[in-house]
Amino acid sequence: MQPAAPALDIHLDLSQLEAAARKSATSARALVNRAVCDDQENVLSVAAISLDSAAKFLNRGETDKARDALRAACHYAGCEEAAAPKLAAAALTLLNNLPA
């Protein structure tokens, strides 16, 4: 069972996005601890690292790098091995809320 993805408002500033990315990374790490196989553990670990990286980039105001990290998180959380659609949806929501 997957922890609930953080709910996001449509208009978020970078500090709120950073906090949501950190919360999603924590959720991803919790999923890693319950992974049923090595493949699932590996892709969830990469998703967690990508979300942590996105949070760090958002903290520095580097939205282009945060966008790349969130794309990676979406990819890894959304792959079949991860079996984490809520995490992928949370990463996609973060990505969609990044300023242009």
N, C-alpha and C. Protein backbone atom coordinates (compact mmCIF):
# COMPACT_ATOMS: atom_id res chain seq x y z
N MET A 1 0.85 -1.18 0.00
CA MET A 1 0.00 0.00 0.00
C MET A 1 0.89 1.23 0.00
N GLN A 2 0.48 2.23 -0.73
CA GLN A 2 1.30 3.41 -0.93
C GLN A 2 0.83 4.56 -0.06
N PRO A 3 1.76 5.32 0.59
CA PRO A 3 1.35 6.48 1.35
C PRO A 3 0.70 7.51 0.43
N ALA A 4 -0.19 8.29 1.01
CA ALA A 4 -0.88 9.30 0.22
C ALA A 4 0.11 10.32 -0.33
N ALA A 5 -0.09 10.70 -1.58
CA ALA A 5 0.75 11.73 -2.20
C ALA A 5 0.34 13.09 -1.63
N PRO A 6 1.30 13.99 -1.46
CA PRO A 6 0.96 15.30 -0.93
C PRO A 6 0.05 16.06 -1.88
N ALA A 7 -1.03 16.61 -1.32
CA ALA A 7 -1.94 17.41 -2.14
C ALA A 7 -1.33 18.78 -2.38
N LEU A 8 -1.47 19.29 -3.61
CA LEU A 8 -0.86 20.57 -3.95
C LEU A 8 -1.90 21.55 -4.45
N ASP A 9 -1.72 22.80 -4.05
CA ASP A 9 -2.55 23.88 -4.56
C ASP A 9 -2.03 24.25 -5.94
N ILE A 10 -2.88 24.88 -6.73
CA ILE A 10 -2.48 25.22 -8.10
C ILE A 10 -1.41 26.32 -8.16
N HIS A 11 -1.37 27.21 -7.17
CA HIS A 11 -0.41 28.31 -7.17
C HIS A 11 0.54 28.14 -5.99
N LEU A 12 1.72 27.64 -6.26
CA LEU A 12 2.70 27.41 -5.21
C LEU A 12 3.96 28.21 -5.49
N ASP A 13 4.58 28.67 -4.41
CA ASP A 13 5.87 29.31 -4.61
C ASP A 13 6.97 28.25 -4.48
N LEU A 14 8.19 28.64 -4.73
CA LEU A 14 9.29 27.65 -4.75
C LEU A 14 9.48 26.98 -3.40
N SER A 15 9.28 27.70 -2.30
CA SER A 15 9.48 27.08 -0.98
C SER A 15 8.41 26.02 -0.72
N GLN A 16 7.20 26.24 -1.19
CA GLN A 16 6.15 25.23 -1.05
C GLN A 16 6.44 24.03 -1.94
N LEU A 17 6.93 24.29 -3.14
CA LEU A 17 7.31 23.19 -4.02
C LEU A 17 8.45 22.38 -3.43
N GLU A 18 9.41 23.08 -2.83
CA GLU A 18 10.54 22.39 -2.19
C GLU A 18 10.03 21.49 -1.07
N ALA A 19 9.15 22.01 -0.23
CA ALA A 19 8.62 21.22 0.88
C ALA A 19 7.85 20.00 0.37
N ALA A 20 7.06 20.19 -0.69
CA ALA A 20 6.31 19.08 -1.26
C ALA A 20 7.24 18.04 -1.88
N ALA A 21 8.34 18.49 -2.50
CA ALA A 21 9.32 17.55 -3.07
C ALA A 21 9.99 16.74 -1.96
N ARG A 22 10.31 17.41 -0.87
CA ARG A 22 10.92 16.68 0.27
C ARG A 22 9.94 15.66 0.84
N LYS A 23 8.67 16.04 0.95
CA LYS A 23 7.66 15.12 1.47
C LYS A 23 7.50 13.92 0.53
N SER A 24 7.52 14.17 -0.77
CA SER A 24 7.42 13.07 -1.73
C SER A 24 8.65 12.17 -1.67
N ALA A 25 9.82 12.76 -1.46
CA ALA A 25 11.04 11.96 -1.33
C ALA A 25 10.96 11.06 -0.09
N THR A 26 10.40 11.59 0.98
CA THR A 26 10.21 10.79 2.19
C THR A 26 9.26 9.63 1.91
N SER A 27 8.19 9.90 1.17
CA SER A 27 7.26 8.83 0.79
C SER A 27 7.96 7.78 -0.06
N ALA A 28 8.80 8.22 -0.98
CA ALA A 28 9.53 7.28 -1.83
C ALA A 28 10.47 6.41 -1.01
N ARG A 29 11.14 7.01 -0.03
CA ARG A 29 12.04 6.21 0.83
C ARG A 29 11.25 5.19 1.65
N ALA A 30 10.04 5.57 2.07
CA ALA A 30 9.20 4.62 2.80
C ALA A 30 8.83 3.45 1.90
N LEU A 31 8.56 3.74 0.63
CA LEU A 31 8.25 2.67 -0.31
C LEU A 31 9.45 1.77 -0.56
N VAL A 32 10.65 2.35 -0.57
CA VAL A 32 11.87 1.56 -0.76
C VAL A 32 11.97 0.52 0.35
N ASN A 33 11.64 0.94 1.57
CA ASN A 33 11.73 0.02 2.71
C ASN A 33 10.75 -1.14 2.61
N ARG A 34 9.70 -0.98 1.82
CA ARG A 34 8.71 -2.05 1.66
C ARG A 34 8.77 -2.70 0.27
N ALA A 35 9.81 -2.45 -0.47
CA ALA A 35 9.93 -3.01 -1.82
C ALA A 35 9.94 -4.53 -1.75
N VAL A 36 9.30 -5.13 -2.76
CA VAL A 36 9.19 -6.59 -2.77
C VAL A 36 10.31 -7.27 -3.57
N CYS A 37 11.07 -6.49 -4.33
CA CYS A 37 12.18 -7.07 -5.08
C CYS A 37 13.26 -6.01 -5.29
N ASP A 38 14.42 -6.45 -5.72
CA ASP A 38 15.54 -5.54 -5.93
C ASP A 38 15.25 -4.49 -7.00
N ASP A 39 14.58 -4.90 -8.08
CA ASP A 39 14.27 -3.94 -9.15
C ASP A 39 13.39 -2.82 -8.63
N GLN A 40 12.39 -3.17 -7.84
CA GLN A 40 11.50 -2.14 -7.28
C GLN A 40 12.27 -1.24 -6.33
N GLU A 41 13.10 -1.83 -5.51
CA GLU A 41 13.90 -1.04 -4.58
C GLU A 41 14.81 -0.07 -5.33
N ASN A 42 15.41 -0.53 -6.41
CA ASN A 42 16.33 0.31 -7.18
C ASN A 42 15.63 1.51 -7.82
N VAL A 43 14.51 1.27 -8.49
CA VAL A 43 13.84 2.39 -9.17
C VAL A 43 13.23 3.36 -8.17
N LEU A 44 12.74 2.86 -7.05
CA LEU A 44 12.20 3.76 -6.03
C LEU A 44 13.31 4.58 -5.37
N SER A 45 14.48 3.98 -5.23
CA SER A 45 15.62 4.71 -4.68
C SER A 45 16.02 5.86 -5.60
N VAL A 46 16.04 5.60 -6.90
CA VAL A 46 16.38 6.65 -7.86
C VAL A 46 15.32 7.75 -7.83
N ALA A 47 14.05 7.36 -7.72
CA ALA A 47 12.97 8.36 -7.64
C ALA A 47 13.15 9.22 -6.39
N ALA A 48 13.50 8.61 -5.26
CA ALA A 48 13.70 9.36 -4.02
C ALA A 48 14.87 10.33 -4.15
N ILE A 49 15.95 9.86 -4.74
CA ILE A 49 17.14 10.71 -4.93
C ILE A 49 16.80 11.86 -5.87
N SER A 50 16.04 11.58 -6.91
CA SER A 50 15.65 12.63 -7.86
C SER A 50 14.77 13.67 -7.18
N LEU A 51 13.85 13.24 -6.33
CA LEU A 51 12.99 14.19 -5.62
C LEU A 51 13.80 15.02 -4.62
N ASP A 52 14.76 14.38 -3.94
CA ASP A 52 15.65 15.14 -3.05
C ASP A 52 16.45 16.17 -3.84
N SER A 53 16.94 15.78 -4.99
CA SER A 53 17.70 16.71 -5.84
C SER A 53 16.82 17.88 -6.27
N ALA A 54 15.59 17.58 -6.66
CA ALA A 54 14.67 18.64 -7.06
C ALA A 54 14.46 19.62 -5.92
N ALA A 55 14.31 19.12 -4.71
CA ALA A 55 14.13 20.00 -3.56
C ALA A 55 15.35 20.89 -3.35
N LYS A 56 16.53 20.32 -3.49
CA LYS A 56 17.75 21.12 -3.34
C LYS A 56 17.85 22.20 -4.41
N PHE A 57 17.51 21.84 -5.64
CA PHE A 57 17.55 22.83 -6.72
C PHE A 57 16.51 23.92 -6.51
N LEU A 58 15.33 23.55 -6.04
CA LEU A 58 14.30 24.54 -5.76
C LEU A 58 14.73 25.49 -4.65
N ASN A 59 15.42 24.95 -3.66
CA ASN A 59 15.94 25.77 -2.57
C ASN A 59 16.90 26.83 -3.09
N ARG A 60 17.64 26.48 -4.13
CA ARG A 60 18.61 27.41 -4.74
C ARG A 60 17.98 28.25 -5.85
N GLY A 61 16.73 27.99 -6.18
CA GLY A 61 16.07 28.74 -7.24
C GLY A 61 16.43 28.28 -8.64
N GLU A 62 17.01 27.10 -8.76
CA GLU A 62 17.43 26.56 -10.06
C GLU A 62 16.29 25.71 -10.64
N THR A 63 15.31 26.39 -11.22
CA THR A 63 14.11 25.69 -11.67
C THR A 63 14.37 24.76 -12.86
N ASP A 64 15.32 25.09 -13.73
CA ASP A 64 15.60 24.20 -14.87
C ASP A 64 16.16 22.87 -14.39
N LYS A 65 17.08 22.91 -13.44
CA LYS A 65 17.63 21.67 -12.90
C LYS A 65 16.58 20.92 -12.09
N ALA A 66 15.74 21.65 -11.36
CA ALA A 66 14.65 21.00 -10.61
C ALA A 66 13.70 20.30 -11.57
N ARG A 67 13.42 20.94 -12.69
CA ARG A 67 12.53 20.35 -13.71
C ARG A 67 13.12 19.03 -14.22
N ASP A 68 14.41 19.02 -14.50
CA ASP A 68 15.06 17.78 -14.97
C ASP A 68 14.98 16.69 -13.91
N ALA A 69 15.21 17.05 -12.66
CA ALA A 69 15.15 16.07 -11.57
C ALA A 69 13.73 15.54 -11.39
N LEU A 70 12.75 16.41 -11.52
CA LEU A 70 11.36 15.97 -11.40
C LEU A 70 10.94 15.09 -12.57
N ARG A 71 11.46 15.38 -13.75
CA ARG A 71 11.19 14.49 -14.90
C ARG A 71 11.74 13.09 -14.63
N ALA A 72 12.93 13.04 -14.08
CA ALA A 72 13.52 11.74 -13.74
C ALA A 72 12.68 11.03 -12.68
N ALA A 73 12.25 11.77 -11.69
CA ALA A 73 11.41 11.17 -10.63
C ALA A 73 10.11 10.63 -11.22
N CYS A 74 9.50 11.40 -12.12
CA CYS A 74 8.26 10.94 -12.79
C CYS A 74 8.52 9.64 -13.55
N HIS A 75 9.63 9.63 -14.28
CA HIS A 75 9.96 8.46 -15.08
C HIS A 75 10.15 7.22 -14.20
N TYR A 76 10.98 7.33 -13.17
CA TYR A 76 11.28 6.16 -12.35
C TYR A 76 10.09 5.74 -11.49
N ALA A 77 9.38 6.70 -10.92
CA ALA A 77 8.22 6.35 -10.09
C ALA A 77 7.09 5.77 -10.94
N GLY A 78 7.02 6.19 -12.20
CA GLY A 78 5.95 5.73 -13.07
C GLY A 78 6.23 4.44 -13.81
N CYS A 79 7.45 3.93 -13.71
CA CYS A 79 7.75 2.70 -14.45
C CYS A 79 7.09 1.49 -13.79
N GLU A 80 6.93 0.46 -14.57
CA GLU A 80 6.23 -0.74 -14.10
C GLU A 80 6.88 -1.36 -12.86
N GLU A 81 8.20 -1.35 -12.82
CA GLU A 81 8.90 -1.96 -11.68
C GLU A 81 8.62 -1.24 -10.37
N ALA A 82 8.42 0.07 -10.43
CA ALA A 82 8.21 0.85 -9.20
C ALA A 82 6.85 0.56 -8.58
N ALA A 83 5.84 0.38 -9.42
CA ALA A 83 4.48 0.15 -8.94
C ALA A 83 4.07 1.24 -7.94
N ALA A 84 4.33 2.50 -8.33
CA ALA A 84 4.06 3.63 -7.44
C ALA A 84 3.36 4.77 -8.20
N PRO A 85 2.14 4.51 -8.67
CA PRO A 85 1.46 5.54 -9.46
C PRO A 85 1.17 6.82 -8.69
N LYS A 86 0.91 6.72 -7.39
CA LYS A 86 0.64 7.93 -6.60
C LYS A 86 1.89 8.79 -6.48
N LEU A 87 3.03 8.15 -6.32
CA LEU A 87 4.29 8.88 -6.26
C LEU A 87 4.59 9.54 -7.60
N ALA A 88 4.35 8.83 -8.68
CA ALA A 88 4.54 9.41 -10.01
C ALA A 88 3.61 10.59 -10.22
N ALA A 89 2.37 10.48 -9.77
CA ALA A 89 1.41 11.58 -9.91
C ALA A 89 1.85 12.79 -9.08
N ALA A 90 2.39 12.55 -7.90
CA ALA A 90 2.87 13.66 -7.07
C ALA A 90 4.04 14.37 -7.73
N ALA A 91 4.96 13.59 -8.30
CA ALA A 91 6.11 14.20 -9.00
C ALA A 91 5.64 14.97 -10.23
N LEU A 92 4.67 14.44 -10.94
CA LEU A 92 4.14 15.13 -12.11
C LEU A 92 3.43 16.43 -11.71
N THR A 93 2.71 16.40 -10.61
CA THR A 93 2.05 17.61 -10.12
C THR A 93 3.07 18.67 -9.76
N LEU A 94 4.15 18.26 -9.11
CA LEU A 94 5.23 19.20 -8.80
C LEU A 94 5.81 19.79 -10.09
N LEU A 95 6.05 18.93 -11.05
CA LEU A 95 6.61 19.35 -12.33
C LEU A 95 5.68 20.36 -13.01
N ASN A 96 4.41 20.08 -13.01
CA ASN A 96 3.43 20.95 -13.65
C ASN A 96 3.26 22.30 -12.92
N ASN A 97 3.64 22.35 -11.65
CA ASN A 97 3.50 23.58 -10.88
C ASN A 97 4.77 24.44 -10.90
N LEU A 98 5.82 23.96 -11.54
CA LEU A 98 7.04 24.76 -11.62
C LEU A 98 6.80 25.98 -12.51
N PRO A 99 7.31 27.13 -12.10
CA PRO A 99 7.17 28.30 -12.97
C PRO A 99 8.00 28.13 -14.24
N ALA A 100 7.53 28.75 -15.31
CA ALA A 100 8.20 28.64 -16.60
C ALA A 100 9.56 29.30 -16.61
